[in-house]
Amino acid sequence: MTSDDDSQVLRRFFSAEGRLLDMPTRHAKRRLVLDHVAQRFEPGRRYDWRTVDALLKEVYDDHAALRRYLVDDGFLSREGDVYWRSGGSVDF
């Protein structure tokens, strides 16, 4: 997908306020959406589960499912109750 395509997908799945409206079923679109959500997590920083849940609740009502998607697709890693960003794009 091109950058214009990416922007169009994000506009389709996020409200103007930044809330995720629906989780895409197509894998490529879902990964794009998850990458966008992963940008909320600072690389190299550790987060307890409560902080992760609070950040994800700002984005999507089913924050637990969103957390699972992020972990399953490699955007977040988890050890016990500690999470960290382990994937996604990084701006330089």
PDB file of N, CA and C in Angstrom:
ATOM      1  N   MET A   1       0.838  -1.184   0.000  1.00  0.00           N
ATOM      2  CA  MET A   1       0.000   0.000   0.000  1.00  0.00           C
ATOM      3  C   MET A   1       0.881   1.244   0.000  1.00  0.00           C
ATOM      4  N   THR A   2       0.389   2.264  -0.645  1.00  0.00           N
ATOM      5  CA  THR A   2       1.105   3.530  -0.647  1.00  0.00           C
ATOM      6  C   THR A   2       0.732   4.330   0.587  1.00  0.00           C
ATOM      7  N   SER A   3       1.447   5.392   0.789  1.00  0.00           N
ATOM      8  CA  SER A   3       1.166   6.254   1.938  1.00  0.00           C
ATOM      9  C   SER A   3      -0.254   6.818   1.874  1.00  0.00           C
ATOM     10  N   ASP A   4      -0.719   7.167   0.673  1.00  0.00           N
ATOM     11  CA  ASP A   4      -2.097   7.653   0.519  1.00  0.00           C
ATOM     12  C   ASP A   4      -3.098   6.571   0.876  1.00  0.00           C
ATOM     13  N   ASP A   5      -2.802   5.339   0.460  1.00  0.00           N
ATOM     14  CA  ASP A   5      -3.670   4.204   0.802  1.00  0.00           C
ATOM     15  C   ASP A   5      -3.700   3.998   2.310  1.00  0.00           C
ATOM     16  N   ASP A   6      -2.523   4.098   2.943  1.00  0.00           N
ATOM     17  CA  ASP A   6      -2.441   3.946   4.399  1.00  0.00           C
ATOM     18  C   ASP A   6      -3.300   4.989   5.099  1.00  0.00           C
ATOM     19  N   SER A   7      -3.195   6.227   4.668  1.00  0.00           N
ATOM     20  CA  SER A   7      -3.985   7.304   5.274  1.00  0.00           C
ATOM     21  C   SER A   7      -5.472   7.062   5.103  1.00  0.00           C
ATOM     22  N   GLN A   8      -5.850   6.568   3.950  1.00  0.00           N
ATOM     23  CA  GLN A   8      -7.261   6.281   3.693  1.00  0.00           C
ATOM     24  C   GLN A   8      -7.761   5.162   4.610  1.00  0.00           C
ATOM     25  N   VAL A   9      -6.956   4.134   4.800  1.00  0.00           N
ATOM     26  CA  VAL A   9      -7.332   3.031   5.692  1.00  0.00           C
ATOM     27  C   VAL A   9      -7.488   3.552   7.114  1.00  0.00           C
ATOM     28  N   LEU A  10      -6.541   4.351   7.576  1.00  0.00           N
ATOM     29  CA  LEU A  10      -6.614   4.877   8.941  1.00  0.00           C
ATOM     30  C   LEU A  10      -7.844   5.758   9.120  1.00  0.00           C
ATOM     31  N   ARG A  11      -8.175   6.576   8.122  1.00  0.00           N
ATOM     32  CA  ARG A  11      -9.387   7.404   8.207  1.00  0.00           C
ATOM     33  C   ARG A  11     -10.639   6.544   8.255  1.00  0.00           C
ATOM     34  N   ARG A  12     -10.603   5.404   7.604  1.00  0.00           N
ATOM     35  CA  ARG A  12     -11.758   4.503   7.579  1.00  0.00           C
ATOM     36  C   ARG A  12     -11.995   3.849   8.945  1.00  0.00           C
ATOM     37  N   PHE A  13     -10.915   3.535   9.644  1.00  0.00           N
ATOM     38  CA  PHE A  13     -11.046   2.767  10.880  1.00  0.00           C
ATOM     39  C   PHE A  13     -10.950   3.589  12.159  1.00  0.00           C
ATOM     40  N   PHE A  14     -10.547   4.855  12.063  1.00  0.00           N
ATOM     41  CA  PHE A  14     -10.441   5.713  13.248  1.00  0.00           C
ATOM     42  C   PHE A  14     -11.368   6.911  13.116  1.00  0.00           C
ATOM     43  N   SER A  15     -11.965   7.298  14.231  1.00  0.00           N
ATOM     44  CA  SER A  15     -12.789   8.508  14.251  1.00  0.00           C
ATOM     45  C   SER A  15     -11.871   9.725  14.224  1.00  0.00           C
ATOM     46  N   ALA A  16     -12.457  10.886  14.032  1.00  0.00           N
ATOM     47  CA  ALA A  16     -11.688  12.130  14.044  1.00  0.00           C
ATOM     48  C   ALA A  16     -11.021  12.347  15.401  1.00  0.00           C
ATOM     49  N   GLU A  17     -11.610  11.783  16.458  1.00  0.00           N
ATOM     50  CA  GLU A  17     -11.060  11.911  17.805  1.00  0.00           C
ATOM     51  C   GLU A  17      -9.964  10.877  18.097  1.00  0.00           C
ATOM     52  N   GLY A  18      -9.694   9.981  17.151  1.00  0.00           N
ATOM     53  CA  GLY A  18      -8.642   8.991  17.327  1.00  0.00           C
ATOM     54  C   GLY A  18      -9.089   7.671  17.921  1.00  0.00           C
ATOM     55  N   ARG A  19     -10.398   7.452  18.023  1.00  0.00           N
ATOM     56  CA  ARG A  19     -10.926   6.186  18.540  1.00  0.00           C
ATOM     57  C   ARG A  19     -11.009   5.180  17.401  1.00  0.00           C
ATOM     58  N   LEU A  20     -10.610   3.954  17.699  1.00  0.00           N
ATOM     59  CA  LEU A  20     -10.729   2.864  16.742  1.00  0.00           C
ATOM     60  C   LEU A  20     -12.190   2.462  16.666  1.00  0.00           C
ATOM     61  N   LEU A  21     -12.755   2.524  15.473  1.00  0.00           N
ATOM     62  CA  LEU A  21     -14.175   2.245  15.292  1.00  0.00           C
ATOM     63  C   LEU A  21     -14.442   0.756  15.127  1.00  0.00           C
ATOM     64  N   ASP A  22     -13.539   0.072  14.442  1.00  0.00           N
ATOM     65  CA  ASP A  22     -13.729  -1.337  14.128  1.00  0.00           C
ATOM     66  C   ASP A  22     -12.364  -1.931  13.811  1.00  0.00           C
ATOM     67  N   MET A  23     -12.165  -3.191  14.167  1.00  0.00           N
ATOM     68  CA  MET A  23     -10.907  -3.865  13.858  1.00  0.00           C
ATOM     69  C   MET A  23     -11.006  -4.458  12.452  1.00  0.00           C
ATOM     70  N   PRO A  24     -10.068  -4.124  11.585  1.00  0.00           N
ATOM     71  CA  PRO A  24     -10.099  -4.681  10.222  1.00  0.00           C
ATOM     72  C   PRO A  24      -9.960  -6.199  10.236  1.00  0.00           C
ATOM     73  N   THR A  25     -10.620  -6.848   9.311  1.00  0.00           N
ATOM     74  CA  THR A  25     -10.503  -8.304   9.206  1.00  0.00           C
ATOM     75  C   THR A  25      -9.333  -8.688   8.296  1.00  0.00           C
ATOM     76  N   ARG A  26      -9.022  -7.856   7.333  1.00  0.00           N
ATOM     77  CA  ARG A  26      -7.886  -8.146   6.448  1.00  0.00           C
ATOM     78  C   ARG A  26      -6.593  -7.900   7.196  1.00  0.00           C
ATOM     79  N   HIS A  27      -5.693  -8.864   7.087  1.00  0.00           N
ATOM     80  CA  HIS A  27      -4.464  -8.837   7.870  1.00  0.00           C
ATOM     81  C   HIS A  27      -3.617  -7.580   7.597  1.00  0.00           C
ATOM     82  N   ALA A  28      -3.446  -7.208   6.347  1.00  0.00           N
ATOM     83  CA  ALA A  28      -2.610  -6.040   6.015  1.00  0.00           C
ATOM     84  C   ALA A  28      -3.186  -4.768   6.625  1.00  0.00           C
ATOM     85  N   LYS A  29      -4.481  -4.610   6.565  1.00  0.00           N
ATOM     86  CA  LYS A  29      -5.111  -3.421   7.149  1.00  0.00           C
ATOM     87  C   LYS A  29      -5.045  -3.465   8.666  1.00  0.00           C
ATOM     88  N   ARG A  30      -5.231  -4.653   9.246  1.00  0.00           N
ATOM     89  CA  ARG A  30      -5.153  -4.787  10.696  1.00  0.00           C
ATOM     90  C   ARG A  30      -3.747  -4.441  11.188  1.00  0.00           C
ATOM     91  N   ARG A  31      -2.722  -4.889  10.475  1.00  0.00           N
ATOM     92  CA  ARG A  31      -1.344  -4.563  10.865  1.00  0.00           C
ATOM     93  C   ARG A  31      -1.084  -3.060  10.782  1.00  0.00           C
ATOM     94  N   LEU A  32      -1.644  -2.412   9.787  1.00  0.00           N
ATOM     95  CA  LEU A  32      -1.500  -0.958   9.671  1.00  0.00           C
ATOM     96  C   LEU A  32      -2.159  -0.263  10.858  1.00  0.00           C
ATOM     97  N   VAL A  33      -3.352  -0.701  11.219  1.00  0.00           N
ATOM     98  CA  VAL A  33      -4.065  -0.137  12.368  1.00  0.00           C
ATOM     99  C   VAL A  33      -3.283  -0.408  13.658  1.00  0.00           C
ATOM    100  N   LEU A  34      -2.782  -1.622  13.827  1.00  0.00           N
ATOM    101  CA  LEU A  34      -2.017  -1.956  15.030  1.00  0.00           C
ATOM    102  C   LEU A  34      -0.725  -1.154  15.112  1.00  0.00           C
ATOM    103  N   ASP A  35      -0.076  -0.948  13.975  1.00  0.00           N
ATOM    104  CA  ASP A  35       1.130  -0.123  13.960  1.00  0.00           C
ATOM    105  C   ASP A  35       0.802   1.299  14.415  1.00  0.00           C
ATOM    106  N   HIS A  36      -0.323   1.810  13.964  1.00  0.00           N
ATOM    107  CA  HIS A  36      -0.754   3.149  14.367  1.00  0.00           C
ATOM    108  C   HIS A  36      -0.990   3.209  15.880  1.00  0.00           C
ATOM    109  N   VAL A  37      -1.625   2.205  16.431  1.00  0.00           N
ATOM    110  CA  VAL A  37      -1.878   2.159  17.877  1.00  0.00           C
ATOM    111  C   VAL A  37      -0.564   1.999  18.642  1.00  0.00           C
ATOM    112  N   ALA A  38       0.350   1.193  18.121  1.00  0.00           N
ATOM    113  CA  ALA A  38       1.624   0.945  18.794  1.00  0.00           C
ATOM    114  C   ALA A  38       2.447   2.219  18.964  1.00  0.00           C
ATOM    115  N   GLN A  39       2.179   3.226  18.149  1.00  0.00           N
ATOM    116  CA  GLN A  39       2.913   4.489  18.258  1.00  0.00           C
ATOM    117  C   GLN A  39       2.670   5.174  19.606  1.00  0.00           C
ATOM    118  N   ARG A  40       1.640   4.769  20.330  1.00  0.00           N
ATOM    119  CA  ARG A  40       1.366   5.326  21.655  1.00  0.00           C
ATOM    120  C   ARG A  40       2.380   4.849  22.704  1.00  0.00           C
ATOM    121  N   PHE A  41       3.123   3.805  22.371  1.00  0.00           N
ATOM    122  CA  PHE A  41       4.081   3.225  23.305  1.00  0.00           C
ATOM    123  C   PHE A  41       5.500   3.620  22.891  1.00  0.00           C
ATOM    124  N   GLU A  42       6.231   4.124  23.855  1.00  0.00           N
ATOM    125  CA  GLU A  42       7.592   4.589  23.610  1.00  0.00           C
ATOM    126  C   GLU A  42       8.547   3.403  23.552  1.00  0.00           C
ATOM    127  N   PRO A  43       9.339   3.280  22.463  1.00  0.00           N
ATOM    128  CA  PRO A  43      10.308   2.187  22.398  1.00  0.00           C
ATOM    129  C   PRO A  43      11.287   2.267  23.570  1.00  0.00           C
ATOM    130  N   GLY A  44      11.592   1.115  24.154  1.00  0.00           N
ATOM    131  CA  GLY A  44      12.540   1.053  25.252  1.00  0.00           C
ATOM    132  C   GLY A  44      11.933   1.257  26.634  1.00  0.00           C
ATOM    133  N   ARG A  45      10.696   1.668  26.688  1.00  0.00           N
ATOM    134  CA  ARG A  45      10.035   1.894  27.977  1.00  0.00           C
ATOM    135  C   ARG A  45       9.214   0.668  28.363  1.00  0.00           C
ATOM    136  N   ARG A  46       9.198   0.335  29.646  1.00  0.00           N
ATOM    137  CA  ARG A  46       8.393  -0.769  30.181  1.00  0.00           C
ATOM    138  C   ARG A  46       7.100  -0.194  30.742  1.00  0.00           C
ATOM    139  N   TYR A  47       6.001  -0.920  30.542  1.00  0.00           N
ATOM    140  CA  TYR A  47       4.675  -0.489  30.996  1.00  0.00           C
ATOM    141  C   TYR A  47       4.038  -1.597  31.815  1.00  0.00           C
ATOM    142  N   ASP A  48       3.441  -1.247  32.953  1.00  0.00           N
ATOM    143  CA  ASP A  48       2.675  -2.253  33.686  1.00  0.00           C
ATOM    144  C   ASP A  48       1.323  -2.417  32.982  1.00  0.00           C
ATOM    145  N   TRP A  49       0.641  -3.505  33.287  1.00  0.00           N
ATOM    146  CA  TRP A  49      -0.594  -3.826  32.561  1.00  0.00           C
ATOM    147  C   TRP A  49      -1.660  -2.760  32.755  1.00  0.00           C
ATOM    148  N   ARG A  50      -1.692  -2.124  33.907  1.00  0.00           N
ATOM    149  CA  ARG A  50      -2.706  -1.079  34.135  1.00  0.00           C
ATOM    150  C   ARG A  50      -2.491   0.110  33.213  1.00  0.00           C
ATOM    151  N   THR A  51      -1.246   0.480  33.008  1.00  0.00           N
ATOM    152  CA  THR A  51      -0.937   1.589  32.103  1.00  0.00           C
ATOM    153  C   THR A  51      -1.285   1.218  30.666  1.00  0.00           C
ATOM    154  N   VAL A  52      -0.955  -0.012  30.281  1.00  0.00           N
ATOM    155  CA  VAL A  52      -1.291  -0.487  28.935  1.00  0.00           C
ATOM    156  C   VAL A  52      -2.804  -0.437  28.740  1.00  0.00           C
ATOM    157  N   ASP A  53      -3.544  -0.967  29.695  1.00  0.00           N
ATOM    158  CA  ASP A  53      -5.001  -0.957  29.579  1.00  0.00           C
ATOM    159  C   ASP A  53      -5.550   0.468  29.509  1.00  0.00           C
ATOM    160  N   ALA A  54      -5.013   1.372  30.315  1.00  0.00           N
ATOM    161  CA  ALA A  54      -5.476   2.765  30.297  1.00  0.00           C
ATOM    162  C   ALA A  54      -5.224   3.411  28.934  1.00  0.00           C
ATOM    163  N   LEU A  55      -4.038   3.173  28.366  1.00  0.00           N
ATOM    164  CA  LEU A  55      -3.731   3.732  27.041  1.00  0.00           C
ATOM    165  C   LEU A  55      -4.648   3.151  25.968  1.00  0.00           C
ATOM    166  N   LEU A  56      -4.908   1.850  26.051  1.00  0.00           N
ATOM    167  CA  LEU A  56      -5.730   1.201  25.029  1.00  0.00           C
ATOM    168  C   LEU A  56      -7.210   1.531  25.181  1.00  0.00           C
ATOM    169  N   LYS A  57      -7.673   1.771  26.405  1.00  0.00           N
ATOM    170  CA  LYS A  57      -9.069   2.180  26.614  1.00  0.00           C
ATOM    171  C   LYS A  57      -9.354   3.511  25.948  1.00  0.00           C
ATOM    172  N   GLU A  58      -8.338   4.352  25.821  1.00  0.00           N
ATOM    173  CA  GLU A  58      -8.501   5.637  25.132  1.00  0.00           C
ATOM    174  C   GLU A  58      -8.761   5.431  23.643  1.00  0.00           C
ATOM    175  N   VAL A  59      -8.364   4.269  23.132  1.00  0.00           N
ATOM    176  CA  VAL A  59      -8.432   3.999  21.702  1.00  0.00           C
ATOM    177  C   VAL A  59      -9.628   3.127  21.313  1.00  0.00           C
ATOM    178  N   TYR A  60      -9.935   2.107  22.133  1.00  0.00           N
ATOM    179  CA  TYR A  60     -10.894   1.080  21.699  1.00  0.00           C
ATOM    180  C   TYR A  60     -11.618   0.529  22.913  1.00  0.00           C
ATOM    181  N   ASP A  61     -12.911   0.323  22.778  1.00  0.00           N
ATOM    182  CA  ASP A  61     -13.710  -0.195  23.900  1.00  0.00           C
ATOM    183  C   ASP A  61     -13.234  -1.577  24.349  1.00  0.00           C
ATOM    184  N   ASP A  62     -12.933  -2.455  23.403  1.00  0.00           N
ATOM    185  CA  ASP A  62     -12.466  -3.800  23.759  1.00  0.00           C
ATOM    186  C   ASP A  62     -10.938  -3.769  23.865  1.00  0.00           C
ATOM    187  N   HIS A  63     -10.457  -3.080  24.900  1.00  0.00           N
ATOM    188  CA  HIS A  63      -9.020  -2.892  25.069  1.00  0.00           C
ATOM    189  C   HIS A  63      -8.278  -4.213  25.277  1.00  0.00           C
ATOM    190  N   ALA A  64      -8.935  -5.205  25.875  1.00  0.00           N
ATOM    191  CA  ALA A  64      -8.285  -6.502  26.094  1.00  0.00           C
ATOM    192  C   ALA A  64      -8.010  -7.194  24.758  1.00  0.00           C
ATOM    193  N   ALA A  65      -8.968  -7.150  23.850  1.00  0.00           N
ATOM    194  CA  ALA A  65      -8.762  -7.743  22.523  1.00  0.00           C
ATOM    195  C   ALA A  65      -7.668  -6.991  21.771  1.00  0.00           C
ATOM    196  N   LEU A  66      -7.674  -5.674  21.883  1.00  0.00           N
ATOM    197  CA  LEU A  66      -6.656  -4.861  21.219  1.00  0.00           C
ATOM    198  C   LEU A  66      -5.271  -5.201  21.762  1.00  0.00           C
ATOM    199  N   ARG A  67      -5.165  -5.378  23.068  1.00  0.00           N
ATOM    200  CA  ARG A  67      -3.890  -5.760  23.686  1.00  0.00           C
ATOM    201  C   ARG A  67      -3.425  -7.114  23.145  1.00  0.00           C
ATOM    202  N   ARG A  68      -4.347  -8.066  23.034  1.00  0.00           N
ATOM    203  CA  ARG A  68      -3.996  -9.392  22.495  1.00  0.00           C
ATOM    204  C   ARG A  68      -3.510  -9.288  21.053  1.00  0.00           C
ATOM    205  N   TYR A  69      -4.225  -8.503  20.240  1.00  0.00           N
ATOM    206  CA  TYR A  69      -3.785  -8.301  18.853  1.00  0.00           C
ATOM    207  C   TYR A  69      -2.374  -7.730  18.809  1.00  0.00           C
ATOM    208  N   LEU A  70      -2.099  -6.731  19.626  1.00  0.00           N
ATOM    209  CA  LEU A  70      -0.771  -6.099  19.635  1.00  0.00           C
ATOM    210  C   LEU A  70       0.318  -7.091  20.027  1.00  0.00           C
ATOM    211  N   VAL A  71       0.028  -7.946  20.999  1.00  0.00           N
ATOM    212  CA  VAL A  71       1.005  -8.949  21.419  1.00  0.00           C
ATOM    213  C   VAL A  71       1.127 -10.042  20.363  1.00  0.00           C
ATOM    214  N   ASP A  72      -0.001 -10.559  19.882  1.00  0.00           N
ATOM    215  CA  ASP A  72       0.024 -11.654  18.908  1.00  0.00           C
ATOM    216  C   ASP A  72       0.719 -11.258  17.609  1.00  0.00           C
ATOM    217  N   ASP A  73       0.583  -9.999  17.205  1.00  0.00           N
ATOM    218  CA  ASP A  73       1.196  -9.545  15.952  1.00  0.00           C
ATOM    219  C   ASP A  73       2.593  -8.962  16.153  1.00  0.00           C
ATOM    220  N   GLY A  74       3.122  -9.034  17.380  1.00  0.00           N
ATOM    221  CA  GLY A  74       4.499  -8.652  17.624  1.00  0.00           C
ATOM    222  C   GLY A  74       4.760  -7.166  17.830  1.00  0.00           C
ATOM    223  N   PHE A  75       3.720  -6.388  18.048  1.00  0.00           N
ATOM    224  CA  PHE A  75       3.911  -4.956  18.293  1.00  0.00           C
ATOM    225  C   PHE A  75       4.260  -4.683  19.754  1.00  0.00           C
ATOM    226  N   LEU A  76       3.735  -5.500  20.645  1.00  0.00           N
ATOM    227  CA  LEU A  76       4.077  -5.440  22.064  1.00  0.00           C
ATOM    228  C   LEU A  76       4.561  -6.817  22.498  1.00  0.00           C
ATOM    229  N   SER A  77       5.505  -6.828  23.424  1.00  0.00           N
ATOM    230  CA  SER A  77       5.933  -8.073  24.054  1.00  0.00           C
ATOM    231  C   SER A  77       5.527  -8.008  25.516  1.00  0.00           C
ATOM    232  N   ARG A  78       5.445  -9.170  26.115  1.00  0.00           N
ATOM    233  CA  ARG A  78       4.962  -9.238  27.490  1.00  0.00           C
ATOM    234  C   ARG A  78       5.766 -10.262  28.273  1.00  0.00           C
ATOM    235  N   GLU A  79       6.077  -9.906  29.507  1.00  0.00           N
ATOM    236  CA  GLU A  79       6.664 -10.844  30.448  1.00  0.00           C
ATOM    237  C   GLU A  79       5.994 -10.580  31.782  1.00  0.00           C
ATOM    238  N   GLY A  80       5.192 -11.538  32.238  1.00  0.00           N
ATOM    239  CA  GLY A  80       4.398 -11.328  33.446  1.00  0.00           C
ATOM    240  C   GLY A  80       3.396 -10.210  33.192  1.00  0.00           C
ATOM    241  N   ASP A  81       3.417  -9.226  34.045  1.00  0.00           N
ATOM    242  CA  ASP A  81       2.511  -8.081  33.897  1.00  0.00           C
ATOM    243  C   ASP A  81       3.214  -6.853  33.332  1.00  0.00           C
ATOM    244  N   VAL A  82       4.352  -7.063  32.679  1.00  0.00           N
ATOM    245  CA  VAL A  82       5.123  -5.956  32.112  1.00  0.00           C
ATOM    246  C   VAL A  82       5.117  -6.078  30.589  1.00  0.00           C
ATOM    247  N   TYR A  83       4.840  -4.952  29.929  1.00  0.00           N
ATOM    248  CA  TYR A  83       4.769  -4.891  28.473  1.00  0.00           C
ATOM    249  C   TYR A  83       5.779  -3.882  27.956  1.00  0.00           C
ATOM    250  N   TRP A  84       6.230  -4.094  26.728  1.00  0.00           N
ATOM    251  CA  TRP A  84       7.076  -3.119  26.064  1.00  0.00           C
ATOM    252  C   TRP A  84       6.851  -3.230  24.559  1.00  0.00           C
ATOM    253  N   ARG A  85       7.112  -2.123  23.894  1.00  0.00           N
ATOM    254  CA  ARG A  85       6.947  -2.099  22.445  1.00  0.00           C
ATOM    255  C   ARG A  85       8.097  -2.857  21.802  1.00  0.00           C
ATOM    256  N   SER A  86       7.757  -3.811  20.966  1.00  0.00           N
ATOM    257  CA  SER A  86       8.775  -4.658  20.339  1.00  0.00           C
ATOM    258  C   SER A  86       8.656  -4.672  18.825  1.00  0.00           C
ATOM    259  N   GLY A  87       7.771  -3.862  18.280  1.00  0.00           N
ATOM    260  CA  GLY A  87       7.596  -3.824  16.843  1.00  0.00           C
ATOM    261  C   GLY A  87       6.944  -2.546  16.401  1.00  0.00           C
ATOM    262  N   GLY A  88       6.726  -2.466  15.122  1.00  0.00           N
ATOM    263  CA  GLY A  88       6.084  -1.283  14.566  1.00  0.00           C
ATOM    264  C   GLY A  88       7.091  -0.324  13.986  1.00  0.00           C
ATOM    265  N   SER A  89       6.590   0.639  13.265  1.00  0.00           N
ATOM    266  CA  SER A  89       7.452   1.616  12.629  1.00  0.00           C
ATOM    267  C   SER A  89       7.970   2.623  13.646  1.00  0.00           C
ATOM    268  N   VAL A  90       9.129   3.192  13.332  1.00  0.00           N
ATOM    269  CA  VAL A  90       9.735   4.174  14.211  1.00  0.00           C
ATOM    270  C   VAL A  90      10.092   5.388  13.367  1.00  0.00           C
ATOM    271  N   ASP A  91       9.698   6.563  13.829  1.00  0.00           N
ATOM    272  CA  ASP A  91      10.061   7.798  13.153  1.00  0.00           C
ATOM    273  C   ASP A  91      11.431   8.232  13.605  1.00  0.00           C
ATOM    274  N   PHE A  92      12.244   8.682  12.651  1.00  0.00           N
ATOM    275  CA  PHE A  92      13.592   9.172  12.989  1.00  0.00           C
ATOM    276  C   PHE A  92      13.622  10.673  12.895  1.00  0.00           C
TER     277      PHE A  92
END
